[in-house]
Amino acid sequence: MIGYIMRRLMAAVPVLIMVSLLAFLLMQIVPGDPAHAMAGSDASVAEIEAIRHDLGLDRAWYLRLADWYLALLRGDLGHSYTLRADVADLIIERIPVTLSIALYSLAIAIPLSIAMGIVAARFRGKLLDLGIMTTALLGVSLPNFWIGIMGILFFSVHLGWLPSGGYVPMGEDIGGWIRSMTLPALVLGTMQIGLLTRITRSEMLDIMHKDYVRTARAKGGSELRVLVRHALRNALVPIVTVIGLLFGMIVTGAVVVEQVFSIPGVGRLIVQAILTRDYPLIQGTLLFVAGAFVLINLLVDISYAYLDPRIRQA
């Protein structure tokens, strides 16, 4: 297993290099001048040029790229133009917020969608199956920002049950954290619930017709025991793979949800960096998101190899 993990880690290195290169080059071709944004609309040309010189933006792009890679090798993601702080410190400060909402969303989505998928497969073709699959289709089809706005109007404005925005740290008030994170986590998990329900149903339908499932039923096992212990266990390999990919989608989806609910996470930091043309912050946050994807996929591959030992030999 250790050799398998090392091979997967080595395969991730070129991916991170390509992402870091793309992140840097994209910042060179997108319109906008960070020096102009920092100086303000009333600044003179001389003042803007002075800021460009201070930031090193008047140097050739390949020299700045070389400097950036050398800094990355030292573990330095650079210094934010606008927030006047190390990019790594800014990201580390926001990670717990984004991670907490992502994990809360998965904690809601995984058990709910697997249960819905099992029930839909068990009652295939019945009214219950139709209702579950229609709900799953709606979850996949509706955009996050629209669900978020509707959720705020219904649960916050109409019912007054949950706050419409803001963030309460878990360490200060666990009850306040749950109230502030429940609606964003539900919104963020809606698409994941829809996708995972459909996949779980499909896998369960395939497994439920296998001989060993029929044998388990013939031995007199209860339907719940047959479904969970024999069918679901063997359907988990593709489901675990999809869960890993969904976690990556949740991290990127947090960009929209954090904006809608005014949550100070990594996603909101990315938006703020783009609006202010803060190149080091944009490059650092994009590299962080790419690294998170690579790590998640690595964990998925390890889980995959654990559930199916034949994968390790491939």
Protein backbone atom coordinates (compact mmCIF):
# COMPACT_ATOMS: atom_id res chain seq x y z
CA MET A 1 0.00 0.00 0.00
CA ILE A 2 2.91 2.38 0.78
CA GLY A 3 4.35 1.88 -2.72
CA TYR A 4 0.92 2.58 -4.21
CA ILE A 5 0.59 5.81 -2.20
CA MET A 6 4.10 6.95 -3.24
CA ARG A 7 3.29 6.35 -6.92
CA ARG A 8 0.12 8.42 -6.57
CA LEU A 9 2.03 11.22 -4.82
CA MET A 10 4.66 11.33 -7.57
CA ALA A 11 1.92 11.50 -10.21
CA ALA A 12 0.48 14.57 -8.44
CA VAL A 13 3.70 16.62 -8.78
CA PRO A 14 3.39 17.43 -12.53
CA VAL A 15 -0.27 18.28 -12.01
CA LEU A 16 0.60 20.89 -9.37
CA ILE A 17 3.37 22.31 -11.58
CA MET A 18 0.95 22.71 -14.50
CA VAL A 19 -1.68 24.33 -12.31
CA SER A 20 0.82 26.78 -10.81
CA LEU A 21 2.06 27.68 -14.31
CA LEU A 22 -1.49 28.22 -15.58
CA ALA A 23 -2.37 30.28 -12.50
CA PHE A 24 0.59 32.57 -13.15
CA LEU A 25 0.14 32.91 -16.92
CA LEU A 26 -3.59 33.57 -16.66
CA MET A 27 -2.89 36.54 -14.42
CA GLN A 28 -0.63 37.99 -17.18
CA ILE A 29 -3.33 37.95 -19.87
CA VAL A 30 -6.48 38.93 -17.96
CA PRO A 31 -7.35 42.65 -18.21
CA GLY A 32 -6.75 44.96 -15.25
CA ASP A 33 -3.77 46.54 -13.52
CA PRO A 34 -3.23 45.90 -9.79
CA ALA A 35 -1.10 49.06 -9.51
CA HIS A 36 -3.96 51.17 -10.91
CA ALA A 37 -6.46 49.42 -8.60
CA MET A 38 -4.24 50.14 -5.56
CA ALA A 39 -3.52 53.77 -6.53
CA GLY A 40 -7.16 54.69 -7.11
CA SER A 41 -8.87 56.52 -9.96
CA ASP A 42 -7.34 59.93 -9.11
CA ALA A 43 -3.70 58.76 -9.12
CA SER A 44 -1.23 60.21 -11.60
CA VAL A 45 0.73 58.12 -14.10
CA ALA A 46 3.92 58.65 -12.06
CA GLU A 47 2.25 57.35 -8.89
CA ILE A 48 0.94 54.26 -10.72
CA GLU A 49 4.36 53.56 -12.22
CA ALA A 50 5.95 53.91 -8.78
CA ILE A 51 3.59 51.29 -7.38
CA ARG A 52 4.27 48.99 -10.34
CA HIS A 53 8.01 49.31 -9.63
CA ASP A 54 7.53 48.59 -5.92
CA LEU A 55 5.50 45.47 -6.71
CA GLY A 56 7.98 44.32 -9.35
CA LEU A 57 5.35 44.42 -12.10
CA ASP A 58 7.67 46.35 -14.43
CA ARG A 59 9.94 43.31 -14.70
CA ALA A 60 9.66 40.71 -17.49
CA TRP A 61 7.03 38.04 -16.82
CA TYR A 62 9.51 35.14 -17.03
CA LEU A 63 11.69 36.72 -14.34
CA ARG A 64 8.68 37.08 -12.05
CA LEU A 65 7.69 33.47 -12.84
CA ALA A 66 11.18 32.26 -11.90
CA ASP A 67 11.01 34.27 -8.66
CA TRP A 68 7.60 32.80 -7.87
CA TYR A 69 8.79 29.20 -8.37
CA LEU A 70 11.86 29.83 -6.23
CA ALA A 71 9.59 31.23 -3.52
CA LEU A 72 7.26 28.20 -3.82
CA LEU A 73 10.22 25.88 -3.26
CA ARG A 74 10.79 27.73 0.04
CA GLY A 75 7.10 27.34 0.92
CA ASP A 76 6.41 31.04 0.33
CA LEU A 77 3.19 31.87 -1.56
CA GLY A 78 3.99 35.58 -1.65
CA HIS A 79 2.64 38.73 -0.03
CA SER A 80 -0.84 40.11 -0.67
CA TYR A 81 -0.89 43.51 -2.41
CA THR A 82 -4.10 44.70 -0.78
CA LEU A 83 -4.33 42.87 2.57
CA ARG A 84 -0.64 43.46 3.41
CA ALA A 85 -0.12 39.95 4.78
CA ASP A 86 1.45 36.66 3.74
CA VAL A 87 -0.80 34.74 1.34
CA ALA A 88 -0.16 31.47 3.19
CA ASP A 89 -1.28 33.05 6.49
CA LEU A 90 -4.45 34.43 4.86
CA ILE A 91 -5.34 31.02 3.39
CA ILE A 92 -4.57 29.13 6.61
CA GLU A 93 -6.77 31.60 8.50
CA ARG A 94 -9.72 30.89 6.17
CA ILE A 95 -9.29 27.08 5.77
CA PRO A 96 -11.19 26.10 8.96
CA VAL A 97 -14.23 28.08 7.80
CA THR A 98 -14.39 26.51 4.33
CA LEU A 99 -13.48 23.06 5.63
CA SER A 100 -16.15 23.19 8.32
CA ILE A 101 -18.91 24.09 5.87
CA ALA A 102 -17.69 21.43 3.38
CA LEU A 103 -17.62 18.68 6.02
CA TYR A 104 -20.99 19.77 7.44
CA SER A 105 -22.43 19.64 3.93
CA LEU A 106 -21.05 16.14 3.34
CA ALA A 107 -22.29 14.99 6.77
CA ILE A 108 -25.79 15.91 5.60
CA ALA A 109 -25.47 14.75 1.99
CA ILE A 110 -23.83 11.31 2.36
CA PRO A 111 -26.22 9.50 4.75
CA LEU A 112 -29.29 11.21 3.30
CA SER A 113 -28.46 10.44 -0.34
CA ILE A 114 -27.35 6.83 0.34
CA ALA A 115 -30.57 6.18 2.28
CA MET A 116 -32.63 7.76 -0.52
CA GLY A 117 -30.76 5.73 -3.15
CA ILE A 118 -31.34 2.45 -1.27
CA VAL A 119 -35.04 3.18 -0.78
CA ALA A 120 -35.45 4.20 -4.43
CA ALA A 121 -33.75 0.96 -5.59
CA ARG A 122 -35.79 -1.18 -3.19
CA PHE A 123 -39.07 0.32 -4.42
CA ARG A 124 -38.05 0.60 -8.06
CA GLY A 125 -40.88 1.74 -10.34
CA LYS A 126 -43.15 2.64 -7.39
CA LEU A 127 -44.43 6.09 -6.46
CA LEU A 128 -41.75 6.43 -3.75
CA ASP A 129 -39.01 5.78 -6.31
CA LEU A 130 -40.52 8.37 -8.65
CA GLY A 131 -40.69 10.98 -5.88
CA ILE A 132 -37.09 10.41 -4.77
CA MET A 133 -35.69 10.52 -8.30
CA THR A 134 -37.68 13.68 -9.11
CA THR A 135 -36.26 15.34 -5.98
CA ALA A 136 -32.74 14.20 -6.95
CA LEU A 137 -33.18 15.63 -10.46
CA LEU A 138 -34.27 18.97 -9.02
CA GLY A 139 -31.23 19.02 -6.75
CA VAL A 140 -28.89 18.48 -9.70
CA SER A 141 -30.67 20.98 -11.96
CA LEU A 142 -31.10 24.03 -9.71
CA PRO A 143 -28.09 26.40 -9.33
CA ASN A 144 -26.59 26.99 -5.89
CA PHE A 145 -27.06 30.77 -5.88
CA TRP A 146 -30.79 30.47 -6.67
CA ILE A 147 -31.34 27.82 -3.96
CA GLY A 148 -29.40 30.03 -1.54
CA ILE A 149 -31.52 33.09 -2.23
CA MET A 150 -34.77 31.07 -1.98
CA GLY A 151 -33.51 29.49 1.27
CA ILE A 152 -32.81 32.92 2.76
CA LEU A 153 -36.26 34.19 1.75
CA PHE A 154 -38.05 31.15 3.24
CA PHE A 155 -36.05 30.09 6.31
CA SER A 156 -34.66 33.50 7.32
CA VAL A 157 -37.11 36.15 6.15
CA HIS A 158 -40.43 34.22 6.24
CA LEU A 159 -39.92 31.71 9.08
CA GLY A 160 -37.08 33.44 10.95
CA TRP A 161 -35.52 30.07 11.90
CA LEU A 162 -32.00 30.60 10.57
CA PRO A 163 -29.76 33.65 10.04
CA SER A 164 -29.52 35.00 6.50
CA GLY A 165 -25.73 35.33 6.63
CA GLY A 166 -22.63 35.74 8.76
CA TYR A 167 -20.37 33.27 10.51
CA VAL A 168 -20.03 32.26 14.16
CA PRO A 169 -16.76 30.38 14.97
CA MET A 170 -17.34 26.92 16.42
CA GLY A 171 -14.95 27.65 19.30
CA GLU A 172 -17.02 30.64 20.46
CA ASP A 173 -20.54 29.25 20.26
CA ILE A 174 -21.29 25.75 18.91
CA GLY A 175 -25.02 26.49 18.78
CA GLY A 176 -24.43 29.70 16.87
CA TRP A 177 -22.10 27.88 14.47
CA ILE A 178 -24.75 25.24 13.74
CA ARG A 179 -27.40 27.93 13.14
CA SER A 180 -25.12 29.97 10.87
CA MET A 181 -23.83 26.97 8.88
CA THR A 182 -26.98 24.85 8.47
CA LEU A 183 -28.54 26.78 5.59
CA PRO A 184 -25.26 27.24 3.63
CA ALA A 185 -24.41 23.53 4.14
CA LEU A 186 -27.85 22.47 2.88
CA VAL A 187 -27.53 24.74 -0.15
CA LEU A 188 -24.01 23.50 -0.86
CA GLY A 189 -25.07 19.86 -0.51
CA THR A 190 -28.19 20.00 -2.67
CA MET A 191 -26.44 19.07 -5.92
CA GLN A 192 -24.35 16.42 -4.15
CA ILE A 193 -27.48 14.82 -2.67
CA GLY A 194 -29.04 14.63 -6.13
CA LEU A 195 -25.97 13.14 -7.80
CA LEU A 196 -25.17 10.65 -5.04
CA THR A 197 -28.79 9.48 -4.78
CA ARG A 198 -28.91 8.67 -8.48
CA ILE A 199 -25.56 6.85 -8.40
CA THR A 200 -26.44 4.88 -5.25
CA ARG A 201 -29.75 3.79 -6.78
CA SER A 202 -28.04 2.70 -9.99
CA GLU A 203 -25.33 0.71 -8.20
CA MET A 204 -27.82 -0.90 -5.82
CA LEU A 205 -30.06 -1.98 -8.71
CA ASP A 206 -27.07 -3.64 -10.36
CA ILE A 207 -25.92 -5.39 -7.18
CA MET A 208 -29.39 -6.49 -6.02
CA HIS A 209 -29.64 -8.93 -8.95
CA LYS A 210 -26.37 -10.70 -8.15
CA ASP A 211 -26.42 -14.35 -7.09
CA TYR A 212 -24.91 -13.73 -3.64
CA VAL A 213 -27.71 -11.27 -2.81
CA ARG A 214 -30.30 -13.87 -3.80
CA THR A 215 -28.43 -16.41 -1.68
CA ALA A 216 -28.48 -14.07 1.30
CA ARG A 217 -32.24 -13.67 0.92
CA ALA A 218 -32.68 -17.45 0.53
CA LYS A 219 -30.85 -17.97 3.84
CA GLY A 220 -33.61 -16.02 5.54
CA GLY A 221 -31.81 -12.74 6.21
CA SER A 222 -33.99 -9.70 6.74
CA GLU A 223 -34.39 -7.34 3.79
CA LEU A 224 -32.60 -4.53 5.65
CA ARG A 225 -29.65 -6.80 6.48
CA VAL A 226 -29.41 -8.05 2.90
CA LEU A 227 -29.53 -4.51 1.48
CA VAL A 228 -27.02 -2.95 3.89
CA ARG A 229 -24.59 -5.80 4.62
CA HIS A 230 -24.48 -7.57 1.27
CA ALA A 231 -25.67 -5.16 -1.44
CA LEU A 232 -24.52 -1.76 -0.15
CA ARG A 233 -21.09 -3.00 0.93
CA ASN A 234 -20.30 -4.15 -2.61
CA ALA A 235 -21.78 -1.02 -4.16
CA LEU A 236 -19.54 1.25 -2.05
CA VAL A 237 -16.45 1.28 -4.32
CA PRO A 238 -17.90 3.53 -7.05
CA ILE A 239 -19.84 5.51 -4.42
CA VAL A 240 -16.64 6.31 -2.47
CA THR A 241 -14.99 7.46 -5.70
CA VAL A 242 -17.89 9.80 -6.41
CA ILE A 243 -17.89 11.11 -2.81
CA GLY A 244 -14.27 12.19 -3.27
CA LEU A 245 -15.10 14.04 -6.44
CA LEU A 246 -18.15 15.61 -4.78
CA PHE A 247 -15.97 16.90 -1.96
CA GLY A 248 -13.87 18.67 -4.57
CA MET A 249 -17.03 20.14 -6.09
CA ILE A 250 -18.11 21.33 -2.65
CA VAL A 251 -14.82 23.18 -2.14
CA THR A 252 -15.24 25.01 -5.45
CA GLY A 253 -18.99 25.50 -4.87
CA ALA A 254 -18.13 27.23 -1.61
CA VAL A 255 -16.99 30.24 -3.66
CA VAL A 256 -20.63 31.01 -4.56
CA VAL A 257 -22.20 29.99 -1.25
CA GLU A 258 -19.71 31.98 0.84
CA GLN A 259 -20.51 35.07 -1.22
CA VAL A 260 -24.29 34.60 -0.86
CA PHE A 261 -24.11 34.05 2.93
CA SER A 262 -21.19 36.44 3.67
CA ILE A 263 -19.01 33.64 5.08
CA PRO A 264 -15.30 34.57 5.42
CA GLY A 265 -13.81 31.41 3.88
CA VAL A 266 -11.30 30.66 1.12
CA GLY A 267 -13.97 31.05 -1.57
CA ARG A 268 -14.74 34.61 -0.52
CA LEU A 269 -11.00 35.32 -0.36
CA ILE A 270 -10.67 34.22 -4.02
CA VAL A 271 -13.45 36.57 -5.10
CA GLN A 272 -11.92 39.45 -3.14
CA ALA A 273 -8.51 38.76 -4.71
CA ILE A 274 -9.93 38.74 -8.24
CA LEU A 275 -11.88 41.98 -7.73
CA THR A 276 -8.75 43.80 -6.49
CA ARG A 277 -6.34 42.19 -9.03
CA ASP A 278 -4.25 40.90 -6.15
CA TYR A 279 -1.99 38.58 -8.21
CA PRO A 280 -0.13 36.79 -5.37
CA LEU A 281 -3.40 36.14 -3.55
CA ILE A 282 -5.14 34.84 -6.70
CA GLN A 283 -2.24 32.56 -7.58
CA GLY A 284 -1.89 31.30 -4.01
CA THR A 285 -5.60 30.54 -3.54
CA LEU A 286 -5.87 28.80 -6.94
CA LEU A 287 -2.84 26.68 -6.10
CA PHE A 288 -4.40 25.83 -2.74
CA VAL A 289 -7.67 24.72 -4.38
CA ALA A 290 -5.75 22.60 -6.92
CA GLY A 291 -3.70 21.07 -4.11
CA ALA A 292 -6.89 20.29 -2.21
CA PHE A 293 -8.28 18.52 -5.29
CA VAL A 294 -5.09 16.47 -5.65
CA LEU A 295 -5.17 15.51 -1.97
CA ILE A 296 -8.84 14.54 -2.13
CA ASN A 297 -8.27 12.39 -5.21
CA LEU A 298 -5.31 10.74 -3.50
CA LEU A 299 -7.48 9.87 -0.49
CA VAL A 300 -10.14 8.53 -2.86
CA ASP A 301 -7.57 6.35 -4.64
CA ILE A 302 -6.31 5.02 -1.30
CA SER A 303 -9.88 4.24 -0.21
CA TYR A 304 -10.49 2.60 -3.59
CA ALA A 305 -7.40 0.39 -3.19
CA TYR A 306 -8.44 -0.49 0.37
CA LEU A 307 -11.94 -1.57 -0.72
CA ASP A 308 -10.65 -3.45 -3.79
CA PRO A 309 -7.09 -4.90 -3.26
CA ARG A 310 -6.78 -5.69 -6.99
CA ILE A 311 -6.33 -1.94 -7.60
CA ARG A 312 -2.98 -1.96 -5.74
CA GLN A 313 -1.56 -4.41 -8.25
CA ALA A 314 -2.66 -2.40 -11.29
